[in-house]
Amino acid sequence: MGNIKNFIVKTQEKEWLPLNENGIHYKGVFVMSLRFSEKQNRSNTILLKFGPGASYPYHNHPAGEEIFVLSGSCEIENSVLTEGDYLYTPPNCRHSVKSENGCIMLISIPEEVEII
């Protein structure tokens, strides 16, 4: 397994990167990778930051998703999530996300999302 220090992510030492997927830039949405899967060649655990008014389009989660709101608030399928709220979306759950005032979320995504 190695030294536990090799698995610690110091977020204050990392930068927020604009969210770009398949050549599409989602304005006002930023990502920070926390756990990268070499096997899948993608990040499975991320922080997402939405600026005020930012949104992410309607999409599907083939293997589900877990969301924990760290700060601010967002709206998912007409439900408002605020700081401290947790959402588990089961496999093949479809939704969009928008944030009127901005938010930061911890997200675990076992498989890549599919934009619909």
C-alpha atoms as a PDB file:
ATOM      1  CA  MET A   1       0.000   0.000   0.000  1.00  0.00           C
ATOM      2  CA  GLY A   2       2.793   2.448   0.738  1.00  0.00           C
ATOM      3  CA  ASN A   3       2.896   5.495   2.922  1.00  0.00           C
ATOM      4  CA  ILE A   4      -0.485   7.067   3.784  1.00  0.00           C
ATOM      5  CA  LYS A   5       1.035  10.459   2.931  1.00  0.00           C
ATOM      6  CA  ASN A   6       0.986   9.406  -0.734  1.00  0.00           C
ATOM      7  CA  PHE A   7      -2.830   9.360  -0.630  1.00  0.00           C
ATOM      8  CA  ILE A   8      -3.462  12.732   1.049  1.00  0.00           C
ATOM      9  CA  VAL A   9      -4.689  15.567  -1.176  1.00  0.00           C
ATOM     10  CA  LYS A  10      -3.957  19.076   0.092  1.00  0.00           C
ATOM     11  CA  THR A  11      -6.738  21.013  -1.653  1.00  0.00           C
ATOM     12  CA  GLN A  12      -5.312  24.368  -0.570  1.00  0.00           C
ATOM     13  CA  GLU A  13      -2.257  23.502  -2.696  1.00  0.00           C
ATOM     14  CA  LYS A  14      -4.303  22.625  -5.803  1.00  0.00           C
ATOM     15  CA  GLU A  15      -5.927  24.878  -8.395  1.00  0.00           C
ATOM     16  CA  TRP A  16      -9.498  24.972  -9.607  1.00  0.00           C
ATOM     17  CA  LEU A  17      -9.593  24.122 -13.318  1.00  0.00           C
ATOM     18  CA  PRO A  18     -12.361  25.120 -15.737  1.00  0.00           C
ATOM     19  CA  LEU A  19     -14.613  22.107 -16.361  1.00  0.00           C
ATOM     20  CA  ASN A  20     -14.001  20.877 -19.903  1.00  0.00           C
ATOM     21  CA  GLU A  21     -15.483  17.581 -21.050  1.00  0.00           C
ATOM     22  CA  ASN A  22     -15.154  16.282 -24.587  1.00  0.00           C
ATOM     23  CA  GLY A  23     -14.120  19.739 -25.772  1.00  0.00           C
ATOM     24  CA  ILE A  24     -17.099  21.463 -24.131  1.00  0.00           C
ATOM     25  CA  HIS A  25     -16.385  24.192 -21.563  1.00  0.00           C
ATOM     26  CA  TYR A  26     -19.091  24.658 -18.947  1.00  0.00           C
ATOM     27  CA  LYS A  27     -18.937  28.374 -18.155  1.00  0.00           C
ATOM     28  CA  GLY A  28     -18.678  29.149 -14.461  1.00  0.00           C
ATOM     29  CA  VAL A  29     -18.072  25.516 -13.440  1.00  0.00           C
ATOM     30  CA  PHE A  30     -14.681  24.490 -12.057  1.00  0.00           C
ATOM     31  CA  VAL A  31     -13.274  21.128 -11.004  1.00  0.00           C
ATOM     32  CA  MET A  32     -10.588  19.845  -8.658  1.00  0.00           C
ATOM     33  CA  SER A  33      -9.617  16.174  -8.847  1.00  0.00           C
ATOM     34  CA  LEU A  34      -9.293  14.405  -5.494  1.00  0.00           C
ATOM     35  CA  ARG A  35      -8.944  10.777  -6.620  1.00  0.00           C
ATOM     36  CA  PHE A  36      -7.828   9.786 -10.112  1.00  0.00           C
ATOM     37  CA  SER A  37      -8.356   6.220 -11.363  1.00  0.00           C
ATOM     38  CA  GLU A  38      -5.446   5.104 -13.538  1.00  0.00           C
ATOM     39  CA  LYS A  39      -7.520   2.100 -14.629  1.00  0.00           C
ATOM     40  CA  GLN A  40     -10.421   4.272 -15.870  1.00  0.00           C
ATOM     41  CA  ASN A  41      -8.199   7.222 -16.830  1.00  0.00           C
ATOM     42  CA  ARG A  42     -10.562   9.641 -15.082  1.00  0.00           C
ATOM     43  CA  SER A  43     -11.284  11.200 -11.724  1.00  0.00           C
ATOM     44  CA  ASN A  44     -13.825   9.352  -9.588  1.00  0.00           C
ATOM     45  CA  THR A  45     -13.875  11.797  -6.689  1.00  0.00           C
ATOM     46  CA  ILE A  46     -13.926  15.519  -7.377  1.00  0.00           C
ATOM     47  CA  LEU A  47     -14.818  18.903  -6.006  1.00  0.00           C
ATOM     48  CA  LEU A  48     -17.086  20.939  -8.270  1.00  0.00           C
ATOM     49  CA  LYS A  49     -17.445  24.686  -7.870  1.00  0.00           C
ATOM     50  CA  PHE A  50     -20.352  26.494  -9.506  1.00  0.00           C
ATOM     51  CA  GLY A  51     -20.151  30.252  -9.826  1.00  0.00           C
ATOM     52  CA  PRO A  52     -23.371  32.277  -9.443  1.00  0.00           C
ATOM     53  CA  GLY A  53     -25.750  31.397 -12.280  1.00  0.00           C
ATOM     54  CA  ALA A  54     -23.674  28.451 -13.528  1.00  0.00           C
ATOM     55  CA  SER A  55     -25.290  25.215 -14.664  1.00  0.00           C
ATOM     56  CA  TYR A  56     -24.502  21.723 -15.918  1.00  0.00           C
ATOM     57  CA  PRO A  57     -26.788  20.155 -18.578  1.00  0.00           C
ATOM     58  CA  TYR A  58     -29.209  17.272 -18.284  1.00  0.00           C
ATOM     59  CA  HIS A  59     -27.201  14.059 -17.983  1.00  0.00           C
ATOM     60  CA  ASN A  60     -27.312  10.399 -16.954  1.00  0.00           C
ATOM     61  CA  HIS A  61     -25.274   8.603 -14.282  1.00  0.00           C
ATOM     62  CA  PRO A  62     -24.901   4.976 -15.478  1.00  0.00           C
ATOM     63  CA  ALA A  63     -23.429   3.884 -12.121  1.00  0.00           C
ATOM     64  CA  GLY A  64     -25.047   6.473  -9.855  1.00  0.00           C
ATOM     65  CA  GLU A  65     -23.471   9.393  -8.032  1.00  0.00           C
ATOM     66  CA  GLU A  66     -22.997  10.822  -4.552  1.00  0.00           C
ATOM     67  CA  ILE A  67     -23.100  14.559  -3.838  1.00  0.00           C
ATOM     68  CA  PHE A  68     -22.320  16.406  -0.609  1.00  0.00           C
ATOM     69  CA  VAL A  69     -22.788  20.184  -0.608  1.00  0.00           C
ATOM     70  CA  LEU A  70     -19.870  21.830   1.197  1.00  0.00           C
ATOM     71  CA  SER A  71     -20.976  25.436   0.747  1.00  0.00           C
ATOM     72  CA  GLY A  72     -23.649  27.463  -1.020  1.00  0.00           C
ATOM     73  CA  SER A  73     -26.644  25.882  -2.697  1.00  0.00           C
ATOM     74  CA  CYS A  74     -27.718  24.249  -5.949  1.00  0.00           C
ATOM     75  CA  GLU A  75     -30.910  23.020  -7.553  1.00  0.00           C
ATOM     76  CA  ILE A  76     -31.266  19.488  -8.870  1.00  0.00           C
ATOM     77  CA  GLU A  77     -34.602  18.455 -10.398  1.00  0.00           C
ATOM     78  CA  ASN A  78     -36.553  21.212  -8.604  1.00  0.00           C
ATOM     79  CA  SER A  79     -34.991  20.316  -5.232  1.00  0.00           C
ATOM     80  CA  VAL A  80     -32.669  22.760  -3.483  1.00  0.00           C
ATOM     81  CA  LEU A  81     -29.603  21.353  -1.752  1.00  0.00           C
ATOM     82  CA  THR A  82     -27.756  23.569   0.719  1.00  0.00           C
ATOM     83  CA  GLU A  83     -24.602  23.298   2.815  1.00  0.00           C
ATOM     84  CA  GLY A  84     -24.492  19.930   4.581  1.00  0.00           C
ATOM     85  CA  ASP A  85     -27.027  18.216   2.289  1.00  0.00           C
ATOM     86  CA  TYR A  86     -26.228  14.806   0.769  1.00  0.00           C
ATOM     87  CA  LEU A  87     -27.763  13.277  -2.357  1.00  0.00           C
ATOM     88  CA  TYR A  88     -27.342   9.740  -3.653  1.00  0.00           C
ATOM     89  CA  THR A  89     -28.564   9.310  -7.206  1.00  0.00           C
ATOM     90  CA  PRO A  90     -29.069   5.643  -8.142  1.00  0.00           C
ATOM     91  CA  PRO A  91     -27.759   4.151 -11.399  1.00  0.00           C
ATOM     92  CA  ASN A  92     -29.320   5.659 -14.524  1.00  0.00           C
ATOM     93  CA  CYS A  93     -30.649   8.677 -12.648  1.00  0.00           C
ATOM     94  CA  ARG A  94     -30.929  11.705 -14.932  1.00  0.00           C
ATOM     95  CA  HIS A  95     -30.835  15.334 -13.893  1.00  0.00           C
ATOM     96  CA  SER A  96     -29.330  18.758 -14.486  1.00  0.00           C
ATOM     97  CA  VAL A  97     -27.692  21.077 -11.942  1.00  0.00           C
ATOM     98  CA  LYS A  98     -27.826  24.827 -11.545  1.00  0.00           C
ATOM     99  CA  SER A  99     -26.699  27.215  -8.861  1.00  0.00           C
ATOM    100  CA  GLU A 100     -28.204  30.662  -8.531  1.00  0.00           C
ATOM    101  CA  ASN A 101     -25.706  31.920  -5.925  1.00  0.00           C
ATOM    102  CA  GLY A 102     -22.810  29.466  -6.351  1.00  0.00           C
ATOM    103  CA  CYS A 103     -21.747  26.345  -4.459  1.00  0.00           C
ATOM    104  CA  ILE A 104     -18.986  23.832  -3.849  1.00  0.00           C
ATOM    105  CA  MET A 105     -19.812  20.111  -3.887  1.00  0.00           C
ATOM    106  CA  LEU A 106     -17.906  16.921  -3.157  1.00  0.00           C
ATOM    107  CA  ILE A 107     -18.887  14.383  -5.809  1.00  0.00           C
ATOM    108  CA  SER A 108     -18.184  10.681  -6.214  1.00  0.00           C
ATOM    109  CA  ILE A 109     -18.862   9.379  -9.732  1.00  0.00           C
ATOM    110  CA  PRO A 110     -17.990   5.698 -10.325  1.00  0.00           C
ATOM    111  CA  GLU A 111     -18.498   5.957 -14.108  1.00  0.00           C
ATOM    112  CA  GLU A 112     -18.428   8.776 -16.657  1.00  0.00           C
ATOM    113  CA  VAL A 113     -21.652  10.750 -17.057  1.00  0.00           C
ATOM    114  CA  GLU A 114     -23.565  10.768 -20.337  1.00  0.00           C
ATOM    115  CA  ILE A 115     -24.823  14.140 -21.560  1.00  0.00           C
ATOM    116  CA  ILE A 116     -28.342  13.773 -22.958  1.00  0.00           C
END
